N, C-alpha and C. Protein backbone atom coordinates (compact mmCIF):
# COMPACT_ATOMS: atom_id res chain seq x y z
N MET A 1 24.09 128.47 -31.25
CA MET A 1 23.70 128.64 -29.86
C MET A 1 24.76 127.99 -28.99
N THR A 2 25.33 128.74 -28.14
CA THR A 2 26.41 128.24 -27.28
C THR A 2 25.86 127.90 -25.92
N ARG A 3 26.52 126.89 -25.32
CA ARG A 3 26.11 126.48 -23.98
C ARG A 3 26.68 127.44 -22.96
N ARG A 4 25.82 127.90 -22.09
CA ARG A 4 26.28 128.80 -21.03
C ARG A 4 27.02 128.02 -19.96
N ARG A 5 27.93 128.70 -19.33
CA ARG A 5 28.68 128.09 -18.26
C ARG A 5 27.71 127.70 -17.14
N GLY A 6 27.82 126.45 -16.73
CA GLY A 6 26.96 125.99 -15.63
C GLY A 6 25.69 125.31 -16.10
N ASP A 7 25.36 125.37 -17.48
CA ASP A 7 24.18 124.67 -18.00
C ASP A 7 24.40 123.15 -17.97
N CYS A 8 23.35 122.38 -17.69
CA CYS A 8 23.40 120.91 -17.66
C CYS A 8 22.60 120.36 -18.83
N GLY A 9 22.91 119.04 -19.21
CA GLY A 9 22.16 118.40 -20.28
C GLY A 9 22.97 118.27 -21.55
N PHE A 10 22.31 117.79 -22.61
CA PHE A 10 22.96 117.54 -23.88
C PHE A 10 22.36 118.44 -24.94
N THR A 11 23.18 118.72 -25.91
CA THR A 11 22.67 119.47 -27.06
C THR A 11 21.90 118.52 -27.98
N LEU A 12 21.16 119.07 -28.91
CA LEU A 12 20.39 118.26 -29.86
C LEU A 12 21.32 117.38 -30.69
N LEU A 13 22.47 117.91 -31.08
CA LEU A 13 23.42 117.14 -31.87
C LEU A 13 23.94 115.95 -31.08
N GLU A 14 24.26 116.18 -29.82
CA GLU A 14 24.74 115.08 -28.99
C GLU A 14 23.68 113.99 -28.82
N MET A 15 22.42 114.41 -28.68
CA MET A 15 21.34 113.44 -28.56
C MET A 15 21.20 112.60 -29.83
N LEU A 16 21.29 113.26 -31.00
CA LEU A 16 21.19 112.53 -32.27
C LEU A 16 22.33 111.53 -32.42
N VAL A 17 23.54 111.93 -32.06
CA VAL A 17 24.69 111.03 -32.14
C VAL A 17 24.49 109.83 -31.22
N ALA A 18 24.02 110.09 -30.01
CA ALA A 18 23.80 109.01 -29.04
C ALA A 18 22.74 108.04 -29.53
N ILE A 19 21.67 108.60 -30.13
CA ILE A 19 20.60 107.73 -30.65
C ILE A 19 21.12 106.87 -31.80
N CYS A 20 21.93 107.46 -32.68
CA CYS A 20 22.50 106.69 -33.79
C CYS A 20 23.41 105.57 -33.29
N VAL A 21 24.27 105.89 -32.32
CA VAL A 21 25.17 104.87 -31.76
C VAL A 21 24.36 103.76 -31.11
N LEU A 22 23.32 104.13 -30.35
CA LEU A 22 22.47 103.14 -29.69
C LEU A 22 21.77 102.25 -30.72
N GLY A 23 21.32 102.85 -31.82
CA GLY A 23 20.66 102.07 -32.86
C GLY A 23 21.61 101.07 -33.50
N LEU A 24 22.86 101.54 -33.76
CA LEU A 24 23.85 100.63 -34.35
C LEU A 24 24.17 99.48 -33.41
N LEU A 25 24.30 99.79 -32.12
CA LEU A 25 24.57 98.73 -31.14
C LEU A 25 23.41 97.72 -31.08
N THR A 26 22.18 98.25 -31.12
CA THR A 26 21.00 97.37 -31.08
C THR A 26 20.96 96.47 -32.30
N MET A 27 21.28 97.05 -33.48
CA MET A 27 21.29 96.24 -34.70
C MET A 27 22.36 95.16 -34.63
N GLY A 28 23.52 95.50 -34.08
CA GLY A 28 24.60 94.52 -33.95
C GLY A 28 24.22 93.38 -33.02
N ILE A 29 23.60 93.74 -31.90
CA ILE A 29 23.18 92.71 -30.94
C ILE A 29 22.11 91.81 -31.55
N ALA A 30 21.14 92.45 -32.24
CA ALA A 30 20.06 91.66 -32.85
C ALA A 30 20.61 90.71 -33.90
N ARG A 31 21.57 91.20 -34.70
CA ARG A 31 22.16 90.33 -35.73
C ARG A 31 22.94 89.19 -35.09
N GLY A 32 23.65 89.51 -34.01
CA GLY A 32 24.40 88.46 -33.31
C GLY A 32 23.47 87.39 -32.74
N LEU A 33 22.35 87.83 -32.17
CA LEU A 33 21.38 86.88 -31.63
C LEU A 33 20.77 86.03 -32.74
N HIS A 34 20.49 86.67 -33.88
CA HIS A 34 19.93 85.93 -35.02
C HIS A 34 20.91 84.88 -35.53
N LEU A 35 22.18 85.26 -35.68
CA LEU A 35 23.18 84.31 -36.14
C LEU A 35 23.37 83.18 -35.14
N GLY A 36 23.33 83.53 -33.85
CA GLY A 36 23.46 82.51 -32.82
C GLY A 36 22.31 81.51 -32.86
N ALA A 37 21.10 82.04 -33.01
CA ALA A 37 19.92 81.16 -33.07
C ALA A 37 19.98 80.29 -34.32
N PHE A 38 20.43 80.87 -35.44
CA PHE A 38 20.53 80.11 -36.68
C PHE A 38 21.56 78.99 -36.55
N SER A 39 22.71 79.32 -35.94
CA SER A 39 23.76 78.31 -35.75
C SER A 39 23.28 77.20 -34.83
N TRP A 40 22.55 77.57 -33.77
CA TRP A 40 22.03 76.56 -32.83
C TRP A 40 21.02 75.67 -33.54
N SER A 41 20.18 76.28 -34.38
CA SER A 41 19.18 75.51 -35.10
C SER A 41 19.84 74.51 -36.05
N ARG A 42 20.88 74.96 -36.75
CA ARG A 42 21.58 74.07 -37.67
C ARG A 42 22.25 72.94 -36.92
N ALA A 43 22.87 73.25 -35.79
CA ALA A 43 23.53 72.22 -34.99
C ALA A 43 22.51 71.22 -34.46
N GLN A 44 21.34 71.73 -34.04
CA GLN A 44 20.30 70.84 -33.53
C GLN A 44 19.77 69.93 -34.63
N THR A 45 19.60 70.51 -35.83
CA THR A 45 19.12 69.71 -36.96
C THR A 45 20.12 68.62 -37.31
N ALA A 46 21.41 68.98 -37.33
CA ALA A 46 22.45 67.99 -37.63
C ALA A 46 22.49 66.90 -36.56
N SER A 47 22.32 67.31 -35.31
CA SER A 47 22.32 66.34 -34.22
C SER A 47 21.13 65.39 -34.32
N ASP A 48 19.96 65.94 -34.64
CA ASP A 48 18.76 65.11 -34.80
C ASP A 48 18.92 64.13 -35.96
N ALA A 49 19.52 64.62 -37.06
CA ALA A 49 19.72 63.76 -38.22
C ALA A 49 20.69 62.62 -37.90
N ALA A 50 21.76 62.95 -37.17
CA ALA A 50 22.73 61.92 -36.79
C ALA A 50 22.09 60.89 -35.85
N LYS A 51 21.27 61.37 -34.93
CA LYS A 51 20.58 60.46 -34.00
C LYS A 51 19.62 59.55 -34.76
N GLN A 52 18.88 60.13 -35.73
CA GLN A 52 17.95 59.34 -36.52
C GLN A 52 18.69 58.27 -37.32
N MET A 53 19.85 58.63 -37.88
CA MET A 53 20.62 57.68 -38.67
C MET A 53 21.12 56.54 -37.78
N ARG A 54 21.61 56.86 -36.58
CA ARG A 54 22.09 55.82 -35.67
C ARG A 54 20.96 54.86 -35.29
N GLN A 55 19.80 55.42 -34.98
CA GLN A 55 18.66 54.58 -34.61
C GLN A 55 18.22 53.70 -35.78
N ALA A 56 18.21 54.29 -36.99
CA ALA A 56 17.81 53.52 -38.18
C ALA A 56 18.80 52.40 -38.46
N ARG A 57 20.08 52.68 -38.35
CA ARG A 57 21.09 51.65 -38.60
C ARG A 57 20.99 50.53 -37.57
N ARG A 58 20.73 50.90 -36.33
CA ARG A 58 20.58 49.88 -35.29
C ARG A 58 19.36 48.99 -35.56
N LEU A 59 18.25 49.62 -36.00
CA LEU A 59 17.05 48.85 -36.32
C LEU A 59 17.31 47.90 -37.50
N LEU A 60 18.01 48.39 -38.52
CA LEU A 60 18.32 47.56 -39.69
C LEU A 60 19.23 46.40 -39.31
N GLU A 61 20.19 46.65 -38.43
CA GLU A 61 21.08 45.59 -37.97
C GLU A 61 20.29 44.51 -37.25
N ASP A 62 19.35 44.91 -36.40
CA ASP A 62 18.51 43.94 -35.69
C ASP A 62 17.61 43.19 -36.66
N LEU A 63 17.04 43.93 -37.61
CA LEU A 63 16.09 43.34 -38.55
C LEU A 63 16.76 42.26 -39.41
N VAL A 64 17.90 42.59 -40.00
CA VAL A 64 18.60 41.66 -40.89
C VAL A 64 19.34 40.59 -40.09
N GLY A 65 19.95 41.00 -38.98
CA GLY A 65 20.71 40.04 -38.18
C GLY A 65 19.85 38.92 -37.62
N ASP A 66 18.56 39.18 -37.41
CA ASP A 66 17.65 38.17 -36.87
C ASP A 66 16.80 37.51 -37.96
N ALA A 67 17.20 37.69 -39.22
CA ALA A 67 16.45 37.06 -40.32
C ALA A 67 16.36 35.55 -40.07
N TYR A 68 15.19 35.00 -40.34
CA TYR A 68 14.87 33.61 -40.00
C TYR A 68 14.61 32.82 -41.28
N PRO A 69 15.32 31.71 -41.48
CA PRO A 69 15.16 30.95 -42.73
C PRO A 69 13.91 30.08 -42.70
N ALA A 70 12.75 30.70 -42.70
CA ALA A 70 11.49 29.97 -42.69
C ALA A 70 11.17 29.47 -44.10
N PHE A 71 10.51 28.33 -44.17
CA PHE A 71 10.09 27.81 -45.47
C PHE A 71 8.98 28.69 -46.04
N ALA A 72 8.97 28.80 -47.36
CA ALA A 72 8.01 29.69 -48.02
C ALA A 72 6.61 29.09 -48.10
N SER A 73 6.49 27.77 -47.98
CA SER A 73 5.18 27.14 -48.10
C SER A 73 5.13 25.89 -47.22
N ALA A 74 3.94 25.35 -47.10
CA ALA A 74 3.76 24.13 -46.32
C ALA A 74 3.98 22.87 -47.14
N ASN A 75 4.30 23.01 -48.42
CA ASN A 75 4.56 21.87 -49.30
C ASN A 75 5.87 21.21 -48.87
N LEU A 76 5.80 19.95 -48.48
CA LEU A 76 6.98 19.26 -47.96
C LEU A 76 8.07 19.10 -49.00
N GLN A 77 7.71 19.22 -50.28
CA GLN A 77 8.71 19.10 -51.34
C GLN A 77 9.36 20.45 -51.68
N ASP A 78 8.85 21.50 -51.09
CA ASP A 78 9.31 22.85 -51.42
C ASP A 78 10.38 23.30 -50.42
N HIS A 79 11.61 23.49 -50.89
CA HIS A 79 12.72 23.89 -50.03
C HIS A 79 13.00 25.39 -50.08
N ARG A 80 12.20 26.14 -50.77
CA ARG A 80 12.46 27.57 -50.90
C ARG A 80 12.26 28.28 -49.57
N ILE A 81 13.12 29.28 -49.35
CA ILE A 81 13.06 30.08 -48.12
C ILE A 81 12.19 31.31 -48.35
N ALA A 82 11.46 31.72 -47.32
CA ALA A 82 10.60 32.90 -47.42
C ALA A 82 11.45 34.17 -47.35
N PHE A 83 12.10 34.45 -48.46
CA PHE A 83 12.94 35.65 -48.58
C PHE A 83 12.89 36.12 -50.02
N LEU A 84 12.65 37.41 -50.19
CA LEU A 84 12.61 38.00 -51.53
C LEU A 84 13.42 39.29 -51.51
N GLY A 85 14.49 39.32 -52.29
CA GLY A 85 15.35 40.49 -52.29
C GLY A 85 15.56 41.06 -53.68
N THR A 86 15.35 42.36 -53.82
CA THR A 86 15.61 43.08 -55.07
C THR A 86 16.47 44.29 -54.72
N PRO A 87 16.96 45.03 -55.71
CA PRO A 87 17.76 46.22 -55.38
C PRO A 87 16.97 47.28 -54.62
N GLU A 88 15.65 47.30 -54.76
CA GLU A 88 14.84 48.36 -54.16
C GLU A 88 14.15 47.96 -52.85
N ALA A 89 13.98 46.66 -52.60
CA ALA A 89 13.23 46.23 -51.42
C ALA A 89 13.57 44.79 -51.09
N MET A 90 13.19 44.38 -49.88
CA MET A 90 13.33 42.98 -49.52
C MET A 90 12.23 42.59 -48.54
N ALA A 91 11.84 41.31 -48.63
CA ALA A 91 10.84 40.75 -47.73
C ALA A 91 11.46 39.55 -47.04
N LEU A 92 11.25 39.44 -45.74
CA LEU A 92 11.89 38.37 -44.98
C LEU A 92 11.07 38.07 -43.72
N VAL A 93 11.37 36.92 -43.13
CA VAL A 93 10.82 36.58 -41.82
C VAL A 93 11.93 36.84 -40.82
N THR A 94 11.62 37.59 -39.77
CA THR A 94 12.64 37.99 -38.81
C THR A 94 12.00 38.23 -37.45
N ARG A 95 12.83 38.60 -36.50
CA ARG A 95 12.33 38.95 -35.19
C ARG A 95 12.06 40.46 -35.15
N ARG A 96 10.92 40.86 -34.62
CA ARG A 96 10.59 42.28 -34.58
C ARG A 96 11.59 43.02 -33.70
N PRO A 97 12.21 44.10 -34.21
CA PRO A 97 13.14 44.89 -33.40
C PRO A 97 12.48 45.40 -32.13
N ALA A 98 13.23 45.44 -31.04
CA ALA A 98 12.68 45.84 -29.75
C ALA A 98 12.08 47.24 -29.79
N SER A 99 12.60 48.11 -30.67
CA SER A 99 12.08 49.48 -30.76
C SER A 99 10.66 49.52 -31.30
N LEU A 100 10.19 48.41 -31.89
CA LEU A 100 8.84 48.37 -32.45
C LEU A 100 7.88 47.56 -31.58
N GLY A 101 8.38 47.01 -30.49
CA GLY A 101 7.50 46.23 -29.61
C GLY A 101 8.16 44.95 -29.16
N THR A 102 7.34 44.05 -28.66
CA THR A 102 7.84 42.77 -28.18
C THR A 102 8.53 42.01 -29.31
N PRO A 103 9.73 41.48 -29.06
CA PRO A 103 10.47 40.80 -30.13
C PRO A 103 9.90 39.44 -30.47
N VAL A 104 8.82 39.43 -31.26
CA VAL A 104 8.21 38.19 -31.75
C VAL A 104 8.52 38.06 -33.24
N MET A 105 8.27 36.89 -33.81
CA MET A 105 8.55 36.67 -35.22
C MET A 105 7.54 37.42 -36.08
N ILE A 106 8.04 38.06 -37.11
CA ILE A 106 7.18 38.83 -38.02
C ILE A 106 7.59 38.55 -39.47
N ALA A 107 6.65 38.76 -40.37
CA ALA A 107 6.94 38.79 -41.80
C ALA A 107 7.11 40.27 -42.15
N ALA A 108 8.30 40.66 -42.57
CA ALA A 108 8.62 42.08 -42.75
C ALA A 108 8.97 42.39 -44.20
N ARG A 109 8.79 43.65 -44.54
CA ARG A 109 9.12 44.14 -45.88
C ARG A 109 9.75 45.52 -45.75
N LEU A 110 11.01 45.63 -46.16
CA LEU A 110 11.74 46.90 -46.10
C LEU A 110 11.74 47.53 -47.49
N PHE A 111 11.35 48.80 -47.56
CA PHE A 111 11.28 49.47 -48.86
C PHE A 111 11.43 50.97 -48.66
N GLN A 112 11.59 51.68 -49.76
CA GLN A 112 11.69 53.14 -49.73
C GLN A 112 10.47 53.73 -50.42
N ASP A 113 9.81 54.64 -49.70
CA ASP A 113 8.68 55.36 -50.27
C ASP A 113 9.25 56.55 -51.04
N VAL A 114 9.26 56.45 -52.35
CA VAL A 114 9.89 57.48 -53.18
C VAL A 114 9.17 58.81 -53.05
N GLN A 115 7.86 58.80 -52.91
CA GLN A 115 7.09 60.05 -52.85
C GLN A 115 7.44 60.86 -51.61
N THR A 116 7.66 60.19 -50.48
CA THR A 116 7.96 60.91 -49.23
C THR A 116 9.44 60.83 -48.85
N SER A 117 10.25 60.14 -49.65
CA SER A 117 11.69 59.97 -49.37
C SER A 117 11.93 59.38 -47.98
N THR A 118 11.09 58.44 -47.59
CA THR A 118 11.25 57.79 -46.29
C THR A 118 11.62 56.32 -46.48
N LEU A 119 12.37 55.81 -45.54
CA LEU A 119 12.69 54.39 -45.49
C LEU A 119 11.65 53.76 -44.56
N ALA A 120 10.89 52.82 -45.08
CA ALA A 120 9.75 52.28 -44.34
C ALA A 120 9.87 50.78 -44.14
N LEU A 121 9.21 50.31 -43.08
CA LEU A 121 9.16 48.89 -42.76
C LEU A 121 7.71 48.50 -42.58
N ALA A 122 7.22 47.63 -43.45
CA ALA A 122 5.87 47.08 -43.31
C ALA A 122 6.01 45.70 -42.69
N TRP A 123 5.22 45.39 -41.68
CA TRP A 123 5.36 44.10 -41.02
C TRP A 123 4.03 43.62 -40.47
N ARG A 124 3.95 42.33 -40.29
CA ARG A 124 2.79 41.71 -39.67
C ARG A 124 3.27 40.51 -38.87
N LEU A 125 2.51 40.14 -37.87
CA LEU A 125 2.85 38.98 -37.08
C LEU A 125 2.88 37.75 -37.97
N ASP A 126 3.77 36.83 -37.68
CA ASP A 126 3.95 35.65 -38.50
C ASP A 126 2.82 34.65 -38.25
N LEU A 127 1.61 35.11 -38.55
CA LEU A 127 0.40 34.31 -38.36
C LEU A 127 -0.53 34.53 -39.55
N PRO A 128 -1.34 33.55 -39.90
CA PRO A 128 -2.30 33.76 -40.99
C PRO A 128 -3.27 34.88 -40.67
N ARG A 129 -3.61 35.67 -41.67
CA ARG A 129 -4.61 36.73 -41.58
C ARG A 129 -4.24 37.85 -40.61
N ALA A 130 -2.97 37.95 -40.24
CA ALA A 130 -2.54 39.06 -39.37
C ALA A 130 -2.52 40.35 -40.18
N GLU A 131 -2.91 41.46 -39.54
CA GLU A 131 -2.93 42.75 -40.22
C GLU A 131 -1.53 43.34 -40.31
N GLU A 132 -1.30 44.10 -41.38
CA GLU A 132 0.01 44.70 -41.61
C GLU A 132 0.10 46.08 -40.98
N SER A 133 1.25 46.36 -40.38
CA SER A 133 1.54 47.68 -39.83
C SER A 133 2.73 48.26 -40.59
N VAL A 134 2.82 49.59 -40.61
CA VAL A 134 3.92 50.26 -41.30
C VAL A 134 4.60 51.23 -40.34
N ALA A 135 5.92 51.16 -40.26
CA ALA A 135 6.70 52.06 -39.42
C ALA A 135 7.74 52.77 -40.28
N VAL A 136 7.99 54.04 -39.97
CA VAL A 136 9.01 54.81 -40.68
C VAL A 136 10.35 54.56 -40.00
N VAL A 137 11.29 54.00 -40.74
CA VAL A 137 12.62 53.74 -40.20
C VAL A 137 13.45 55.02 -40.18
N ALA A 138 13.38 55.80 -41.27
CA ALA A 138 14.11 57.07 -41.36
C ALA A 138 13.43 57.94 -42.40
N GLY A 139 13.41 59.23 -42.13
CA GLY A 139 12.79 60.18 -43.06
C GLY A 139 13.83 60.99 -43.82
N HIS A 140 13.44 61.48 -44.98
CA HIS A 140 14.29 62.33 -45.82
C HIS A 140 15.63 61.67 -46.10
N VAL A 141 15.58 60.47 -46.64
CA VAL A 141 16.81 59.74 -46.97
C VAL A 141 17.01 59.72 -48.48
N GLY A 142 18.28 59.55 -48.88
CA GLY A 142 18.59 59.44 -50.29
C GLY A 142 18.20 58.08 -50.84
N LYS A 143 18.52 57.85 -52.09
CA LYS A 143 18.13 56.61 -52.75
C LYS A 143 18.78 55.40 -52.08
N MET A 144 18.00 54.35 -51.89
CA MET A 144 18.49 53.12 -51.27
C MET A 144 18.73 52.05 -52.34
N ARG A 145 19.77 51.26 -52.12
CA ARG A 145 20.03 50.13 -53.01
C ARG A 145 20.50 48.96 -52.14
N LEU A 146 19.96 47.78 -52.43
CA LEU A 146 20.27 46.58 -51.67
C LEU A 146 21.05 45.59 -52.52
N ALA A 147 21.92 44.83 -51.87
CA ALA A 147 22.67 43.76 -52.55
C ALA A 147 22.79 42.59 -51.58
N TYR A 148 22.97 41.40 -52.16
CA TYR A 148 22.92 40.17 -51.37
C TYR A 148 24.14 39.30 -51.68
N GLU A 149 24.79 38.83 -50.63
CA GLU A 149 26.00 38.03 -50.81
C GLU A 149 25.64 36.54 -50.81
N GLY A 150 26.07 35.86 -51.87
CA GLY A 150 25.83 34.43 -51.99
C GLY A 150 27.07 33.71 -52.46
N GLY A 151 26.88 32.52 -53.01
CA GLY A 151 28.02 31.73 -53.46
C GLY A 151 28.81 32.36 -54.59
N ASP A 152 28.16 33.18 -55.39
CA ASP A 152 28.82 33.82 -56.53
C ASP A 152 29.16 35.28 -56.26
N GLY A 153 29.30 35.64 -55.01
CA GLY A 153 29.61 37.03 -54.66
C GLY A 153 28.34 37.83 -54.45
N TRP A 154 28.44 39.13 -54.64
CA TRP A 154 27.30 40.02 -54.41
C TRP A 154 26.36 39.99 -55.61
N GLN A 155 25.06 39.93 -55.31
CA GLN A 155 24.04 39.87 -56.34
C GLN A 155 22.98 40.92 -56.09
N ASP A 156 22.33 41.35 -57.17
CA ASP A 156 21.26 42.35 -57.05
C ASP A 156 19.92 41.74 -56.65
N HIS A 157 19.75 40.44 -56.90
CA HIS A 157 18.48 39.78 -56.59
C HIS A 157 18.74 38.50 -55.79
N TRP A 158 17.81 38.21 -54.89
CA TRP A 158 17.86 36.95 -54.14
C TRP A 158 16.42 36.46 -54.04
N GLU A 159 16.06 35.57 -54.97
CA GLU A 159 14.70 35.08 -55.05
C GLU A 159 14.70 33.58 -55.29
N GLU A 160 13.66 32.91 -54.82
CA GLU A 160 13.48 31.47 -55.05
C GLU A 160 14.71 30.68 -54.62
N GLN A 161 15.32 31.06 -53.52
CA GLN A 161 16.52 30.38 -53.02
C GLN A 161 16.18 29.43 -51.88
N ASN A 162 17.09 28.46 -51.63
CA ASN A 162 16.89 27.50 -50.56
C ASN A 162 17.61 27.90 -49.28
N ALA A 163 18.18 29.07 -49.25
CA ALA A 163 18.88 29.56 -48.06
C ALA A 163 18.88 31.09 -48.07
N LEU A 164 19.13 31.64 -46.91
CA LEU A 164 19.26 33.10 -46.82
C LEU A 164 20.58 33.53 -47.43
N PRO A 165 20.70 34.78 -47.89
CA PRO A 165 22.01 35.28 -48.30
C PRO A 165 22.93 35.35 -47.09
N ALA A 166 24.21 35.19 -47.31
CA ALA A 166 25.16 35.23 -46.20
C ALA A 166 25.21 36.60 -45.55
N ALA A 167 25.01 37.63 -46.35
CA ALA A 167 25.02 39.01 -45.84
C ALA A 167 24.19 39.88 -46.77
N ILE A 168 23.75 41.00 -46.24
CA ILE A 168 22.97 41.96 -47.02
C ILE A 168 23.64 43.32 -46.88
N ARG A 169 23.85 43.97 -48.03
CA ARG A 169 24.45 45.31 -48.02
C ARG A 169 23.36 46.34 -48.31
N ILE A 170 23.25 47.31 -47.41
CA ILE A 170 22.26 48.38 -47.56
C ILE A 170 23.01 49.68 -47.83
N SER A 171 22.84 50.22 -49.02
CA SER A 171 23.51 51.47 -49.41
C SER A 171 22.46 52.56 -49.56
N ILE A 172 22.63 53.64 -48.81
CA ILE A 172 21.73 54.79 -48.87
C ILE A 172 22.57 56.04 -49.09
N GLU A 173 22.19 56.84 -50.06
CA GLU A 173 22.96 58.06 -50.36
C GLU A 173 23.09 58.92 -49.10
N GLY A 174 24.32 59.32 -48.81
CA GLY A 174 24.57 60.14 -47.63
C GLY A 174 24.92 59.34 -46.39
N TRP A 175 24.77 58.02 -46.45
CA TRP A 175 25.10 57.15 -45.32
C TRP A 175 26.30 56.27 -45.68
N ALA A 176 27.04 55.85 -44.67
CA ALA A 176 28.08 54.85 -44.90
C ALA A 176 27.39 53.52 -45.19
N PRO A 177 27.90 52.74 -46.16
CA PRO A 177 27.25 51.45 -46.47
C PRO A 177 27.17 50.56 -45.23
N LEU A 178 26.09 49.82 -45.13
CA LEU A 178 25.85 48.95 -43.99
C LEU A 178 25.81 47.51 -44.48
N VAL A 179 26.74 46.68 -44.02
CA VAL A 179 26.80 45.26 -44.39
C VAL A 179 26.47 44.44 -43.15
N ILE A 180 25.41 43.63 -43.25
CA ILE A 180 24.92 42.88 -42.09
C ILE A 180 24.89 41.40 -42.42
N ALA A 181 25.52 40.59 -41.58
CA ALA A 181 25.51 39.14 -41.77
C ALA A 181 24.18 38.57 -41.28
N THR A 182 23.74 37.49 -41.91
CA THR A 182 22.50 36.82 -41.51
C THR A 182 22.84 35.45 -40.91
N HIS A 183 21.82 34.80 -40.35
CA HIS A 183 21.99 33.43 -39.86
C HIS A 183 21.72 32.47 -41.02
N ALA A 184 22.56 32.57 -42.04
CA ALA A 184 22.31 31.82 -43.28
C ALA A 184 22.37 30.31 -43.06
N THR A 185 23.13 29.87 -42.06
CA THR A 185 23.27 28.43 -41.85
C THR A 185 22.34 27.91 -40.76
N ALA A 186 21.45 28.77 -40.27
CA ALA A 186 20.53 28.33 -39.22
C ALA A 186 19.56 27.29 -39.77
N ALA A 187 19.05 26.42 -38.87
CA ALA A 187 18.10 25.39 -39.29
C ALA A 187 16.81 26.05 -39.75
N THR A 188 16.24 25.52 -40.82
CA THR A 188 15.00 26.09 -41.34
C THR A 188 13.80 25.64 -40.52
N ALA A 189 12.72 26.38 -40.61
CA ALA A 189 11.47 26.05 -39.92
C ALA A 189 10.32 26.54 -40.77
N CYS A 190 9.13 26.09 -40.45
CA CYS A 190 7.97 26.48 -41.23
C CYS A 190 7.58 27.93 -40.98
N LEU A 191 6.87 28.49 -41.94
CA LEU A 191 6.49 29.88 -41.83
C LEU A 191 5.40 30.10 -40.78
N PHE A 192 4.37 29.26 -40.77
CA PHE A 192 3.28 29.44 -39.84
C PHE A 192 3.13 28.28 -38.86
N GLU A 193 3.83 27.18 -39.08
CA GLU A 193 3.69 26.02 -38.21
C GLU A 193 4.99 25.79 -37.44
N SER A 194 4.88 25.26 -36.25
CA SER A 194 6.07 25.03 -35.43
C SER A 194 6.29 23.56 -35.10
N THR A 195 5.44 22.67 -35.60
CA THR A 195 5.62 21.26 -35.30
C THR A 195 6.69 20.66 -36.19
N ASP A 196 7.36 19.65 -35.66
CA ASP A 196 8.45 19.03 -36.42
C ASP A 196 7.92 18.37 -37.70
N ILE A 197 6.70 17.81 -37.63
CA ILE A 197 6.15 17.13 -38.80
C ILE A 197 5.96 18.12 -39.94
N GLU A 198 5.36 19.27 -39.64
CA GLU A 198 5.11 20.27 -40.68
C GLU A 198 6.40 20.84 -41.23
N CYS A 199 7.43 20.94 -40.39
CA CYS A 199 8.67 21.58 -40.82
C CYS A 199 9.63 20.63 -41.53
N ALA A 200 9.29 19.37 -41.57
CA ALA A 200 10.18 18.43 -42.22
C ALA A 200 10.23 18.65 -43.72
N ARG A 201 11.37 18.44 -44.33
CA ARG A 201 11.52 18.53 -45.78
C ARG A 201 12.32 17.34 -46.26
N THR A 202 11.95 16.82 -47.39
CA THR A 202 12.71 15.70 -47.93
C THR A 202 14.03 16.19 -48.46
N PRO A 203 15.07 15.36 -48.48
CA PRO A 203 16.40 15.81 -48.96
C PRO A 203 16.35 16.25 -50.41
């Protein structure tokens, strides 16, 4: 069928070609939008992860940097410091990081919840019978390992000691190692008492 001179419009073949071209263009645009959204999502996820890591590292620096050499008991003959460190966790008396509330003294415990792959901080006010709270420091983290610097170099355990470790190294898979100095030479004080009599220790 030939087009007569002066006829307007498109032939069926031209319409089919136009529809095919339009479909290909639509598919290309849709794929481009999908790739763009995927790239944005990945960038946002990476940004959120980096922000979480920075916040977690800052909290850990505050937590360890403010470690307090409190005595472990009220026994005047007992010079042990209230600090317990293993490769998997540590317990210490420190100042509560500002991100968790008013910076008051707390008894804290840093550990990794293996089931949820989260780095957690359990803490309670440095008072008798205070209830414990738990905060997530970072989620979806790799395996954590702790080490403690003392007179004989780095050690895996710091228990039953008369002073804080000079520094604590926190190694988490996927993170740069974090080495934080403590106030190891700070004057000791009692865990629950603040009077000079209670805090005294014999040489």
